[in-house]
């Protein structure tokens, strides 16, 4: 499975970059799935809905299915958070999986960076960050792209994972 990450500190532009990359890469005829790490509690379900009621009643897993999409919710109920590898094993085959977050995992990544946040760069101390997408020029030992140059960032990622020819 080809895998590439987008990482960075909070409000660095990760989600916007992910969204643009998915749009760009799928427009080239490739299939893409995403995995996003959340550091906070989240819910895709709503109180009062049947699937919510199933989870509240104690179901370990709830699958919500329709003609348009399937949601598979797993209640950890105190169990360890799943590793990225275990989550990737659940995905159907695609050309590329883009991962948002998971800073400490060892897959290759692009760091999103916005100067206004005041955060330091992760890249200088992390060799898994192969490039930086920034809203300001930076002098680094690896490629630096304009944060909004989605085409160039997509080209870089596809080249890195060996899909550049497939997307032509």
N, C-alpha and C. Protein backbone atom coordinates (compact mmCIF):
# COMPACT_ATOMS: atom_id res chain seq x y z
N UNK A 1 0.85 -1.17 0.00
CA UNK A 1 0.00 0.00 0.00
C UNK A 1 0.90 1.24 0.00
N UNK A 2 0.65 2.14 -0.94
CA UNK A 2 1.40 3.41 -0.98
C UNK A 2 0.78 4.38 0.00
N UNK A 3 1.66 5.00 0.78
CA UNK A 3 1.21 5.80 1.90
C UNK A 3 2.04 7.08 1.96
N UNK A 4 1.37 8.20 2.20
CA UNK A 4 2.08 9.46 2.38
C UNK A 4 1.31 10.31 3.38
N UNK A 5 2.03 11.03 4.20
CA UNK A 5 1.39 11.79 5.25
C UNK A 5 1.45 13.29 5.05
N UNK A 6 0.54 13.97 5.69
CA UNK A 6 0.55 15.42 5.84
C UNK A 6 0.51 15.66 7.33
N UNK A 7 1.52 16.34 7.84
CA UNK A 7 1.61 16.57 9.27
C UNK A 7 1.89 18.03 9.55
N UNK A 8 1.89 18.40 10.79
CA UNK A 8 2.14 19.78 11.19
C UNK A 8 1.40 20.07 12.47
N UNK A 9 1.67 21.23 13.02
CA UNK A 9 1.01 21.64 14.25
C UNK A 9 -0.41 22.10 13.96
N UNK A 10 -1.18 22.32 15.01
CA UNK A 10 -2.56 22.79 14.90
C UNK A 10 -2.62 24.09 14.09
N UNK A 11 -3.61 24.20 13.23
CA UNK A 11 -3.87 25.37 12.39
C UNK A 11 -2.77 25.65 11.36
N UNK A 12 -2.00 24.60 11.01
CA UNK A 12 -0.93 24.76 10.03
C UNK A 12 -1.44 24.64 8.59
N UNK A 13 -2.67 24.20 8.41
CA UNK A 13 -3.21 24.04 7.06
C UNK A 13 -3.26 22.60 6.58
N UNK A 14 -3.15 21.65 7.49
CA UNK A 14 -3.13 20.23 7.12
C UNK A 14 -4.42 19.79 6.43
N UNK A 15 -5.55 20.09 7.02
CA UNK A 15 -6.81 19.59 6.46
C UNK A 15 -7.11 20.21 5.10
N UNK A 16 -6.86 21.50 4.96
CA UNK A 16 -7.06 22.13 3.65
C UNK A 16 -6.15 21.53 2.60
N UNK A 17 -4.89 21.28 2.97
CA UNK A 17 -3.95 20.66 2.03
C UNK A 17 -4.41 19.24 1.69
N UNK A 18 -4.84 18.49 2.69
CA UNK A 18 -5.34 17.13 2.42
C UNK A 18 -6.51 17.17 1.44
N UNK A 19 -7.44 18.06 1.68
CA UNK A 19 -8.62 18.17 0.82
C UNK A 19 -8.22 18.48 -0.61
N UNK A 20 -7.31 19.44 -0.78
CA UNK A 20 -6.86 19.81 -2.13
C UNK A 20 -6.08 18.68 -2.79
N UNK A 21 -5.27 17.96 -2.01
CA UNK A 21 -4.51 16.83 -2.57
C UNK A 21 -5.43 15.71 -3.02
N UNK A 22 -6.43 15.39 -2.23
CA UNK A 22 -7.38 14.34 -2.63
C UNK A 22 -8.06 14.74 -3.93
N UNK A 23 -8.51 15.97 -4.02
CA UNK A 23 -9.17 16.45 -5.24
C UNK A 23 -8.22 16.38 -6.43
N UNK A 24 -7.00 16.86 -6.25
CA UNK A 24 -6.02 16.87 -7.34
C UNK A 24 -5.63 15.47 -7.79
N UNK A 25 -5.33 14.60 -6.85
CA UNK A 25 -4.86 13.27 -7.20
C UNK A 25 -5.97 12.41 -7.79
N UNK A 26 -7.19 12.51 -7.26
CA UNK A 26 -8.29 11.75 -7.85
C UNK A 26 -8.66 12.28 -9.23
N UNK A 27 -8.45 13.59 -9.46
CA UNK A 27 -8.74 14.15 -10.79
C UNK A 27 -7.78 13.59 -11.84
N UNK A 28 -6.68 13.02 -11.39
CA UNK A 28 -5.70 12.40 -12.30
C UNK A 28 -6.01 10.92 -12.56
N UNK A 29 -7.14 10.46 -12.02
CA UNK A 29 -7.57 9.09 -12.27
C UNK A 29 -7.08 8.07 -11.25
N UNK A 30 -6.49 8.52 -10.17
CA UNK A 30 -6.01 7.61 -9.13
C UNK A 30 -7.04 7.53 -8.00
N UNK A 31 -7.03 6.41 -7.30
CA UNK A 31 -7.93 6.26 -6.16
C UNK A 31 -7.16 6.60 -4.88
N UNK A 32 -7.85 7.28 -3.96
CA UNK A 32 -7.24 7.76 -2.73
C UNK A 32 -8.17 7.47 -1.55
N UNK A 33 -7.59 7.00 -0.46
CA UNK A 33 -8.30 6.92 0.81
C UNK A 33 -7.52 7.78 1.80
N UNK A 34 -8.18 8.16 2.89
CA UNK A 34 -7.51 8.98 3.89
C UNK A 34 -7.71 8.39 5.28
N UNK A 35 -6.74 8.68 6.13
CA UNK A 35 -6.84 8.37 7.56
C UNK A 35 -6.46 9.65 8.28
N UNK A 36 -7.28 10.07 9.22
CA UNK A 36 -7.00 11.29 9.99
C UNK A 36 -6.97 10.95 11.47
N UNK A 37 -5.91 11.42 12.13
CA UNK A 37 -5.83 11.24 13.58
C UNK A 37 -6.48 12.43 14.27
N UNK A 38 -7.28 12.15 15.28
CA UNK A 38 -7.90 13.20 16.08
C UNK A 38 -7.36 13.09 17.50
N UNK A 39 -6.91 14.20 18.06
CA UNK A 39 -6.38 14.19 19.42
C UNK A 39 -7.48 14.40 20.45
N UNK A 40 -8.68 14.56 19.99
CA UNK A 40 -9.79 14.85 20.89
C UNK A 40 -10.90 13.84 20.64
N UNK A 41 -11.85 13.83 21.50
CA UNK A 41 -13.00 12.96 21.32
C UNK A 41 -13.84 13.50 20.17
N UNK A 42 -14.38 12.61 19.38
CA UNK A 42 -15.22 13.04 18.27
C UNK A 42 -16.36 12.05 18.13
N UNK A 43 -17.39 12.44 17.42
CA UNK A 43 -18.51 11.56 17.19
C UNK A 43 -19.06 11.81 15.80
N UNK A 44 -19.29 10.75 15.06
CA UNK A 44 -19.90 10.88 13.74
C UNK A 44 -21.40 10.58 13.82
N UNK A 45 -21.84 10.29 15.01
CA UNK A 45 -23.21 9.90 15.26
C UNK A 45 -23.93 11.02 16.02
N UNK A 46 -25.23 10.95 16.10
CA UNK A 46 -25.99 12.00 16.76
C UNK A 46 -26.98 11.41 17.77
N UNK A 47 -27.09 12.03 18.94
CA UNK A 47 -28.05 11.54 19.94
C UNK A 47 -29.45 11.39 19.36
N UNK A 48 -30.07 10.30 19.72
CA UNK A 48 -31.43 10.03 19.27
C UNK A 48 -31.51 9.18 18.01
N UNK A 49 -30.45 9.16 17.21
CA UNK A 49 -30.44 8.34 16.00
C UNK A 49 -30.28 6.87 16.38
N UNK A 50 -30.79 5.99 15.54
CA UNK A 50 -30.77 4.55 15.86
C UNK A 50 -29.36 4.04 16.13
N UNK A 51 -28.39 4.40 15.28
CA UNK A 51 -27.03 3.90 15.46
C UNK A 51 -26.42 4.42 16.76
N UNK A 52 -26.73 5.64 17.12
CA UNK A 52 -26.27 6.21 18.38
C UNK A 52 -26.85 5.41 19.54
N UNK A 53 -28.12 5.09 19.43
CA UNK A 53 -28.79 4.33 20.48
C UNK A 53 -28.18 2.93 20.62
N UNK A 54 -27.79 2.34 19.49
CA UNK A 54 -27.14 1.02 19.54
C UNK A 54 -25.83 1.11 20.33
N UNK A 55 -25.02 2.14 20.05
CA UNK A 55 -23.74 2.31 20.75
C UNK A 55 -23.97 2.56 22.22
N UNK A 56 -24.93 3.42 22.53
CA UNK A 56 -25.22 3.74 23.93
C UNK A 56 -25.72 2.52 24.69
N UNK A 57 -26.36 1.61 23.99
CA UNK A 57 -26.87 0.39 24.63
C UNK A 57 -25.73 -0.59 24.92
N UNK A 58 -24.55 -0.36 24.32
CA UNK A 58 -23.41 -1.21 24.64
C UNK A 58 -22.80 -1.96 23.48
N UNK A 59 -23.28 -1.73 22.26
CA UNK A 59 -22.71 -2.44 21.11
C UNK A 59 -21.22 -2.11 20.97
N UNK A 60 -20.42 -3.11 20.70
CA UNK A 60 -18.98 -2.92 20.49
C UNK A 60 -18.71 -2.27 19.14
N UNK A 61 -19.45 -2.70 18.13
CA UNK A 61 -19.31 -2.13 16.79
C UNK A 61 -20.70 -1.88 16.22
N UNK A 62 -20.82 -0.81 15.46
CA UNK A 62 -22.06 -0.49 14.78
C UNK A 62 -21.71 -0.16 13.32
N UNK A 63 -22.37 -0.82 12.40
CA UNK A 63 -22.20 -0.51 10.98
C UNK A 63 -23.48 0.14 10.51
N UNK A 64 -23.33 1.32 9.96
CA UNK A 64 -24.46 2.08 9.43
C UNK A 64 -24.28 2.08 7.91
N UNK A 65 -25.23 1.54 7.19
CA UNK A 65 -25.07 1.37 5.74
C UNK A 65 -26.26 1.93 4.98
N UNK A 66 -25.95 2.54 3.85
CA UNK A 66 -26.98 3.01 2.92
C UNK A 66 -26.46 2.80 1.50
N UNK A 67 -27.24 3.22 0.55
CA UNK A 67 -26.85 3.12 -0.84
C UNK A 67 -25.64 4.01 -1.15
N UNK A 68 -25.42 5.06 -0.36
CA UNK A 68 -24.37 6.04 -0.65
C UNK A 68 -23.09 5.88 0.15
N UNK A 69 -23.17 5.32 1.36
CA UNK A 69 -21.95 5.19 2.17
C UNK A 69 -22.16 4.20 3.29
N UNK A 70 -21.03 3.77 3.86
CA UNK A 70 -21.03 2.87 5.01
C UNK A 70 -20.16 3.50 6.08
N UNK A 71 -20.64 3.53 7.29
CA UNK A 71 -19.85 3.99 8.44
C UNK A 71 -19.70 2.82 9.40
N UNK A 72 -18.48 2.56 9.80
CA UNK A 72 -18.19 1.48 10.74
C UNK A 72 -17.63 2.11 12.00
N UNK A 73 -18.41 2.09 13.06
CA UNK A 73 -17.99 2.70 14.31
C UNK A 73 -17.60 1.61 15.30
N UNK A 74 -16.45 1.78 15.90
CA UNK A 74 -15.96 0.83 16.89
C UNK A 74 -15.78 1.57 18.21
N UNK A 75 -16.42 1.09 19.22
CA UNK A 75 -16.30 1.67 20.56
C UNK A 75 -15.11 1.04 21.25
N UNK A 76 -14.13 1.83 21.63
CA UNK A 76 -12.94 1.28 22.28
C UNK A 76 -13.20 0.93 23.74
N UNK A 77 -14.05 1.67 24.39
CA UNK A 77 -14.45 1.39 25.78
C UNK A 77 -13.25 1.03 26.66
N UNK A 78 -12.23 1.90 26.61
CA UNK A 78 -11.06 1.72 27.46
C UNK A 78 -9.93 0.94 26.82
N UNK A 79 -10.16 0.34 25.67
CA UNK A 79 -9.09 -0.39 24.98
C UNK A 79 -8.08 0.60 24.40
N UNK A 80 -6.91 0.11 24.04
CA UNK A 80 -5.88 0.94 23.44
C UNK A 80 -6.34 1.54 22.12
N UNK A 81 -5.88 2.75 21.84
CA UNK A 81 -6.14 3.37 20.54
C UNK A 81 -5.47 2.52 19.46
N UNK A 82 -6.16 2.25 18.35
CA UNK A 82 -5.55 1.42 17.30
C UNK A 82 -4.34 2.12 16.68
N UNK A 83 -3.37 1.32 16.29
CA UNK A 83 -2.19 1.86 15.61
C UNK A 83 -2.56 2.23 14.18
N UNK A 84 -1.74 3.06 13.58
CA UNK A 84 -1.95 3.41 12.17
C UNK A 84 -1.92 2.15 11.32
N UNK A 85 -0.97 1.25 11.57
CA UNK A 85 -0.88 0.02 10.78
C UNK A 85 -2.16 -0.81 10.87
N UNK A 86 -2.75 -0.89 12.06
CA UNK A 86 -3.97 -1.68 12.19
C UNK A 86 -5.14 -1.02 11.46
N UNK A 87 -5.15 0.30 11.43
CA UNK A 87 -6.20 1.01 10.68
C UNK A 87 -6.01 0.83 9.18
N UNK A 88 -4.78 0.91 8.73
CA UNK A 88 -4.49 0.73 7.30
C UNK A 88 -4.90 -0.66 6.83
N UNK A 89 -4.75 -1.66 7.69
CA UNK A 89 -5.11 -3.03 7.33
C UNK A 89 -6.60 -3.18 7.06
N UNK A 90 -7.40 -2.26 7.57
CA UNK A 90 -8.86 -2.33 7.38
C UNK A 90 -9.31 -1.73 6.05
N UNK A 91 -8.44 -0.97 5.40
CA UNK A 91 -8.83 -0.27 4.18
C UNK A 91 -8.83 -1.17 2.95
N UNK A 92 -9.77 -0.91 2.06
CA UNK A 92 -9.78 -1.58 0.77
C UNK A 92 -8.62 -1.05 -0.05
N UNK A 93 -8.11 -1.83 -0.99
CA UNK A 93 -6.98 -1.37 -1.80
C UNK A 93 -7.31 -0.11 -2.62
N UNK A 94 -6.37 0.82 -2.62
CA UNK A 94 -6.44 2.03 -3.42
C UNK A 94 -5.02 2.33 -3.92
N UNK A 95 -4.91 3.31 -4.81
CA UNK A 95 -3.59 3.69 -5.31
C UNK A 95 -2.75 4.36 -4.23
N UNK A 96 -3.37 5.20 -3.40
CA UNK A 96 -2.63 5.96 -2.41
C UNK A 96 -3.49 6.22 -1.18
N UNK A 97 -2.89 6.08 -0.01
CA UNK A 97 -3.53 6.48 1.24
C UNK A 97 -2.81 7.71 1.74
N UNK A 98 -3.57 8.79 1.95
CA UNK A 98 -3.03 10.00 2.54
C UNK A 98 -3.40 10.01 4.02
N UNK A 99 -2.43 10.29 4.86
CA UNK A 99 -2.61 10.24 6.31
C UNK A 99 -2.42 11.64 6.88
N UNK A 100 -3.41 12.12 7.60
CA UNK A 100 -3.29 13.42 8.27
C UNK A 100 -2.99 13.20 9.74
N UNK A 101 -1.91 13.83 10.19
CA UNK A 101 -1.50 13.67 11.58
C UNK A 101 -0.47 12.56 11.70
N UNK A 102 -0.55 11.81 12.76
CA UNK A 102 0.38 10.71 13.03
C UNK A 102 1.83 11.17 12.88
N UNK A 103 2.16 12.27 13.53
CA UNK A 103 3.51 12.86 13.47
C UNK A 103 4.61 11.88 13.79
N UNK A 104 4.38 11.03 14.77
CA UNK A 104 5.45 10.17 15.27
C UNK A 104 5.62 8.88 14.48
N UNK A 105 4.68 8.56 13.61
CA UNK A 105 4.83 7.35 12.79
C UNK A 105 5.91 7.56 11.74
N UNK A 106 6.43 6.50 11.19
CA UNK A 106 7.64 6.55 10.37
C UNK A 106 7.39 6.62 8.86
N UNK A 107 6.18 6.84 8.41
CA UNK A 107 5.91 6.96 6.97
C UNK A 107 6.40 8.34 6.48
N UNK A 108 6.63 8.47 5.17
CA UNK A 108 7.07 9.76 4.63
C UNK A 108 5.94 10.79 4.70
N UNK A 109 6.34 12.06 4.91
CA UNK A 109 5.35 13.11 5.13
C UNK A 109 5.77 14.43 4.49
N UNK A 110 4.77 15.26 4.26
CA UNK A 110 4.94 16.67 3.95
C UNK A 110 4.46 17.42 5.19
N UNK A 111 5.25 18.37 5.65
CA UNK A 111 4.82 19.19 6.78
C UNK A 111 4.12 20.44 6.28
N UNK A 112 2.91 20.68 6.77
CA UNK A 112 2.21 21.93 6.48
C UNK A 112 2.64 22.94 7.54
N UNK A 113 2.94 24.16 7.08
CA UNK A 113 3.44 25.18 8.01
C UNK A 113 2.87 26.54 7.62
N UNK A 114 2.26 27.21 8.60
CA UNK A 114 1.81 28.59 8.42
C UNK A 114 2.51 29.44 9.46
N UNK A 115 3.21 30.46 9.00
CA UNK A 115 4.01 31.31 9.89
C UNK A 115 3.18 31.97 10.98
N UNK A 116 1.95 32.36 10.68
CA UNK A 116 1.13 33.09 11.65
C UNK A 116 0.85 32.30 12.92
N UNK A 117 0.99 30.99 12.89
CA UNK A 117 0.74 30.19 14.10
C UNK A 117 1.87 30.35 15.12
N UNK A 118 3.05 30.74 14.64
CA UNK A 118 4.19 30.90 15.54
C UNK A 118 4.85 29.60 15.96
N UNK A 119 4.42 28.49 15.39
CA UNK A 119 5.00 27.20 15.75
C UNK A 119 6.32 26.96 15.04
N UNK A 120 7.21 26.26 15.71
CA UNK A 120 8.48 25.89 15.08
C UNK A 120 8.24 24.76 14.09
N UNK A 121 9.15 24.61 13.17
CA UNK A 121 9.08 23.51 12.20
C UNK A 121 9.42 22.18 12.86
N UNK A 122 8.75 21.15 12.43
CA UNK A 122 9.04 19.79 12.87
C UNK A 122 10.17 19.21 12.02
N UNK A 123 10.22 19.59 10.76
CA UNK A 123 11.12 19.00 9.77
C UNK A 123 12.59 18.92 10.17
N UNK A 124 13.19 19.95 10.73
CA UNK A 124 14.63 19.87 11.02
C UNK A 124 15.04 18.68 11.90
N UNK A 125 14.13 18.21 12.73
CA UNK A 125 14.44 17.10 13.63
C UNK A 125 13.76 15.79 13.23
N UNK A 126 13.16 15.75 12.04
CA UNK A 126 12.40 14.56 11.64
C UNK A 126 12.70 14.19 10.19
N UNK A 127 13.51 13.16 9.97
CA UNK A 127 13.86 12.77 8.60
C UNK A 127 12.69 12.17 7.81
N UNK A 128 11.58 11.82 8.48
CA UNK A 128 10.44 11.29 7.72
C UNK A 128 9.70 12.41 6.99
N UNK A 129 9.97 13.65 7.36
CA UNK A 129 9.37 14.79 6.64
C UNK A 129 10.25 15.07 5.44
N UNK A 130 9.72 14.75 4.26
CA UNK A 130 10.50 14.83 3.02
C UNK A 130 10.40 16.19 2.35
N UNK A 131 9.41 16.99 2.74
CA UNK A 131 9.22 18.32 2.16
C UNK A 131 8.35 19.13 3.11
N UNK A 132 8.37 20.45 2.91
CA UNK A 132 7.54 21.35 3.70
C UNK A 132 6.69 22.18 2.75
N UNK A 133 5.42 22.32 3.08
CA UNK A 133 4.50 23.19 2.35
C UNK A 133 4.23 24.37 3.26
N UNK A 134 4.70 25.56 2.87
CA UNK A 134 4.67 26.71 3.76
C UNK A 134 4.07 27.94 3.08
N UNK A 135 3.57 28.86 3.90
CA UNK A 135 3.05 30.11 3.36
C UNK A 135 4.12 31.20 3.34
N UNK A 136 5.34 30.85 3.76
CA UNK A 136 6.48 31.78 3.69
C UNK A 136 7.70 31.02 3.16
N UNK A 137 8.63 31.71 2.50
CA UNK A 137 9.84 31.03 2.04
C UNK A 137 10.66 30.52 3.24
N UNK A 138 11.26 29.35 3.07
CA UNK A 138 12.08 28.75 4.13
C UNK A 138 13.37 28.24 3.51
N UNK A 139 14.43 28.26 4.28
CA UNK A 139 15.71 27.73 3.84
C UNK A 139 15.94 26.41 4.57
N UNK A 140 15.67 25.30 3.88
CA UNK A 140 15.78 23.98 4.49
C UNK A 140 16.60 23.05 3.61
N UNK A 141 16.94 21.90 4.15
CA UNK A 141 17.71 20.90 3.42
C UNK A 141 16.82 19.93 2.63
N UNK A 142 15.57 20.31 2.40
CA UNK A 142 14.63 19.50 1.63
C UNK A 142 13.70 20.44 0.88
N UNK A 143 12.94 19.93 -0.06
CA UNK A 143 12.08 20.82 -0.85
C UNK A 143 11.09 21.60 0.01
N UNK A 144 10.87 22.86 -0.40
CA UNK A 144 9.86 23.71 0.23
C UNK A 144 8.91 24.16 -0.88
N UNK A 145 7.63 23.89 -0.68
CA UNK A 145 6.60 24.27 -1.65
C UNK A 145 5.72 25.37 -1.06
N UNK A 146 5.14 26.16 -1.92
CA UNK A 146 4.11 27.09 -1.48
C UNK A 146 2.93 26.24 -0.98
N UNK A 147 2.41 26.55 0.17
CA UNK A 147 1.32 25.78 0.78
C UNK A 147 0.12 25.64 -0.16
N UNK A 148 -0.07 26.60 -1.05
CA UNK A 148 -1.22 26.56 -1.96
C UNK A 148 -0.90 26.00 -3.34
N UNK A 149 0.34 25.55 -3.56
CA UNK A 149 0.71 24.97 -4.86
C UNK A 149 0.42 23.47 -4.84
N UNK A 150 -0.84 23.16 -4.86
CA UNK A 150 -1.30 21.78 -4.73
C UNK A 150 -0.76 20.90 -5.84
N UNK A 151 -0.71 21.41 -7.06
CA UNK A 151 -0.23 20.60 -8.19
C UNK A 151 1.22 20.17 -7.95
N UNK A 152 2.08 21.10 -7.54
CA UNK A 152 3.49 20.76 -7.30
C UNK A 152 3.63 19.79 -6.13
N UNK A 153 2.86 19.97 -5.08
CA UNK A 153 2.93 19.06 -3.93
C UNK A 153 2.44 17.68 -4.34
N UNK A 154 1.35 17.61 -5.09
CA UNK A 154 0.85 16.32 -5.57
C UNK A 154 1.88 15.66 -6.48
N UNK A 155 2.49 16.42 -7.38
CA UNK A 155 3.54 15.86 -8.24
C UNK A 155 4.66 15.25 -7.41
N UNK A 156 5.09 15.98 -6.38
CA UNK A 156 6.16 15.51 -5.50
C UNK A 156 5.77 14.21 -4.82
N UNK A 157 4.59 14.17 -4.22
CA UNK A 157 4.14 12.97 -3.51
C UNK A 157 4.04 11.78 -4.46
N UNK A 158 3.42 11.99 -5.61
CA UNK A 158 3.25 10.90 -6.57
C UNK A 158 4.58 10.38 -7.06
N UNK A 159 5.54 11.28 -7.23
CA UNK A 159 6.88 10.86 -7.62
C UNK A 159 7.53 10.05 -6.50
N UNK A 160 7.37 10.51 -5.27
CA UNK A 160 7.96 9.83 -4.12
C UNK A 160 7.43 8.39 -3.97
N UNK A 161 6.16 8.18 -4.26
CA UNK A 161 5.56 6.86 -4.06
C UNK A 161 5.53 6.01 -5.33
N UNK A 162 6.11 6.53 -6.42
CA UNK A 162 6.19 5.77 -7.65
C UNK A 162 4.91 5.77 -8.46
N UNK A 163 4.08 6.77 -8.30
CA UNK A 163 2.81 6.84 -9.05
C UNK A 163 2.79 7.96 -10.08
N UNK A 164 3.92 8.63 -10.30
CA UNK A 164 3.94 9.76 -11.22
C UNK A 164 3.51 9.34 -12.62
N UNK A 165 3.99 8.22 -13.10
CA UNK A 165 3.63 7.74 -14.44
C UNK A 165 2.18 7.32 -14.52
N UNK A 166 1.66 6.72 -13.45
CA UNK A 166 0.27 6.25 -13.44
C UNK A 166 -0.71 7.41 -13.53
N UNK A 167 -0.28 8.58 -13.09
CA UNK A 167 -1.18 9.74 -13.06
C UNK A 167 -1.10 10.58 -14.32
N UNK A 168 -0.28 10.18 -15.28
CA UNK A 168 -0.15 10.98 -16.51
C UNK A 168 -1.26 10.68 -17.48
